[in-house]
N, C-alpha and C. Protein backbone atom coordinates (compact mmCIF):
# COMPACT_ATOMS: atom_id res chain seq x y z
N MET A 1 -30.66 16.79 -10.36
CA MET A 1 -29.67 17.28 -11.24
C MET A 1 -28.28 17.57 -10.41
N ASP A 2 -28.44 18.00 -9.19
CA ASP A 2 -27.24 18.19 -8.43
C ASP A 2 -26.50 16.90 -8.26
N LEU A 3 -27.22 15.90 -7.90
CA LEU A 3 -26.73 14.62 -7.64
C LEU A 3 -25.91 14.12 -8.85
N PHE A 4 -26.51 14.34 -10.02
CA PHE A 4 -25.81 13.90 -11.26
C PHE A 4 -24.58 14.60 -11.51
N TRP A 5 -24.42 15.88 -11.29
CA TRP A 5 -23.21 16.64 -11.43
C TRP A 5 -22.17 16.29 -10.38
N ASN A 6 -22.69 15.97 -9.09
CA ASN A 6 -21.76 15.59 -8.07
C ASN A 6 -21.07 14.32 -8.39
N GLY A 7 -21.93 13.27 -8.94
CA GLY A 7 -21.38 12.13 -9.35
C GLY A 7 -20.35 12.20 -10.46
N LEU A 8 -20.72 13.02 -11.42
CA LEU A 8 -19.86 13.23 -12.60
C LEU A 8 -18.49 13.93 -12.14
N ALA A 9 -18.57 14.90 -11.30
CA ALA A 9 -17.36 15.49 -10.72
C ALA A 9 -16.57 14.50 -9.99
N ARG A 10 -17.16 13.72 -9.16
CA ARG A 10 -16.36 12.77 -8.34
C ARG A 10 -15.72 11.78 -9.20
N ARG A 11 -16.44 11.32 -10.30
CA ARG A 11 -15.86 10.30 -11.24
C ARG A 11 -14.73 10.92 -11.89
N ALA A 12 -14.83 12.23 -12.34
CA ALA A 12 -13.78 12.85 -13.08
C ALA A 12 -12.50 13.05 -12.20
N SER A 13 -12.74 13.38 -10.96
CA SER A 13 -11.61 13.63 -10.07
C SER A 13 -10.84 12.30 -9.79
N GLU A 14 -11.60 11.27 -9.61
CA GLU A 14 -11.04 9.88 -9.39
C GLU A 14 -10.22 9.53 -10.59
N HIS A 15 -10.81 9.89 -11.82
CA HIS A 15 -10.05 9.44 -13.00
C HIS A 15 -8.64 10.09 -13.15
N THR A 16 -8.71 11.46 -12.90
CA THR A 16 -7.46 12.28 -13.05
C THR A 16 -6.44 11.77 -11.86
N TRP A 17 -6.99 11.37 -10.77
CA TRP A 17 -6.14 10.96 -9.67
C TRP A 17 -5.51 9.58 -10.05
N ASN A 18 -6.32 8.66 -10.63
CA ASN A 18 -5.67 7.42 -11.06
C ASN A 18 -4.63 7.73 -12.16
N GLU A 19 -4.91 8.51 -13.09
CA GLU A 19 -3.98 8.80 -14.10
C GLU A 19 -2.60 9.36 -13.49
N ARG A 20 -2.80 10.35 -12.55
CA ARG A 20 -1.56 10.95 -11.90
C ARG A 20 -0.86 9.87 -11.15
N ARG A 21 -1.64 8.96 -10.55
CA ARG A 21 -0.86 7.90 -9.80
C ARG A 21 -0.03 7.04 -10.75
N SER A 22 -0.65 6.66 -11.91
CA SER A 22 0.00 5.67 -12.74
C SER A 22 1.24 6.49 -13.42
N GLN A 23 1.05 7.82 -13.71
CA GLN A 23 2.25 8.50 -14.27
C GLN A 23 3.29 8.56 -13.12
N PHE A 24 2.89 8.76 -11.92
CA PHE A 24 3.95 8.82 -10.81
C PHE A 24 4.65 7.51 -10.68
N SER A 25 3.83 6.35 -10.83
CA SER A 25 4.58 5.06 -10.62
C SER A 25 5.59 4.76 -11.78
N LYS A 26 5.21 5.29 -12.98
CA LYS A 26 6.08 5.16 -14.14
C LYS A 26 7.31 6.03 -13.85
N VAL A 27 7.26 7.15 -13.41
CA VAL A 27 8.34 8.00 -13.09
C VAL A 27 9.24 7.45 -12.02
N HIS A 28 8.63 6.82 -11.01
CA HIS A 28 9.21 6.12 -9.87
C HIS A 28 10.00 4.93 -10.42
N GLU A 29 9.46 4.17 -11.36
CA GLU A 29 10.13 3.01 -11.80
C GLU A 29 11.46 3.48 -12.63
N ILE A 30 11.26 4.58 -13.39
CA ILE A 30 12.46 5.15 -14.18
C ILE A 30 13.57 5.47 -13.29
N VAL A 31 13.13 6.25 -12.17
CA VAL A 31 14.17 6.66 -11.09
C VAL A 31 14.88 5.52 -10.49
N ILE A 32 14.10 4.44 -10.17
CA ILE A 32 14.73 3.29 -9.55
C ILE A 32 15.66 2.62 -10.52
N GLN A 33 15.27 2.52 -11.82
CA GLN A 33 16.30 1.91 -12.78
C GLN A 33 17.40 2.81 -12.96
N ASP A 34 17.23 4.08 -12.87
CA ASP A 34 18.39 5.01 -12.97
C ASP A 34 19.41 4.74 -11.92
N ILE A 35 18.85 4.58 -10.62
CA ILE A 35 19.81 4.40 -9.49
C ILE A 35 20.47 3.05 -9.58
N GLU A 36 19.70 2.03 -10.04
CA GLU A 36 20.34 0.74 -10.14
C GLU A 36 21.43 0.79 -11.26
N ALA A 37 21.24 1.52 -12.30
CA ALA A 37 22.28 1.62 -13.26
C ALA A 37 23.43 2.30 -12.71
N GLN A 38 23.26 3.39 -12.04
CA GLN A 38 24.46 4.16 -11.36
C GLN A 38 25.07 3.25 -10.47
N LYS A 39 24.40 2.38 -9.63
CA LYS A 39 25.12 1.44 -8.70
C LYS A 39 26.00 0.46 -9.42
N GLN A 40 25.37 -0.03 -10.52
CA GLN A 40 26.21 -1.04 -11.32
C GLN A 40 27.43 -0.37 -11.87
N SER A 41 27.29 0.81 -12.50
CA SER A 41 28.45 1.54 -13.18
C SER A 41 29.56 1.76 -12.05
N GLU A 42 28.97 2.20 -10.85
CA GLU A 42 30.04 2.59 -9.80
C GLU A 42 30.72 1.26 -9.39
N SER A 43 30.06 0.13 -9.22
CA SER A 43 30.69 -1.11 -8.78
C SER A 43 31.73 -1.60 -9.93
N LYS A 44 31.42 -1.36 -11.14
CA LYS A 44 32.24 -1.66 -12.18
C LYS A 44 33.62 -0.81 -12.12
N LEU A 45 33.37 0.46 -11.82
CA LEU A 45 34.51 1.36 -11.76
C LEU A 45 35.39 0.92 -10.55
N SER A 46 34.83 0.54 -9.41
CA SER A 46 35.62 0.21 -8.15
C SER A 46 36.31 -1.00 -8.35
N SER A 47 35.87 -1.97 -9.08
CA SER A 47 36.46 -3.33 -9.14
C SER A 47 37.72 -3.33 -9.98
């Protein structure tokens, strides 16, 4: 029974970690897009 619960807990923690990682990568992409947009608007202003 302990083995079963250990496996269940491990699977659950891996699942949440994967969700967190995918959420983080989404946020990271948004931040990168934001920075790129700022660079473009700055270069437009300077030209």
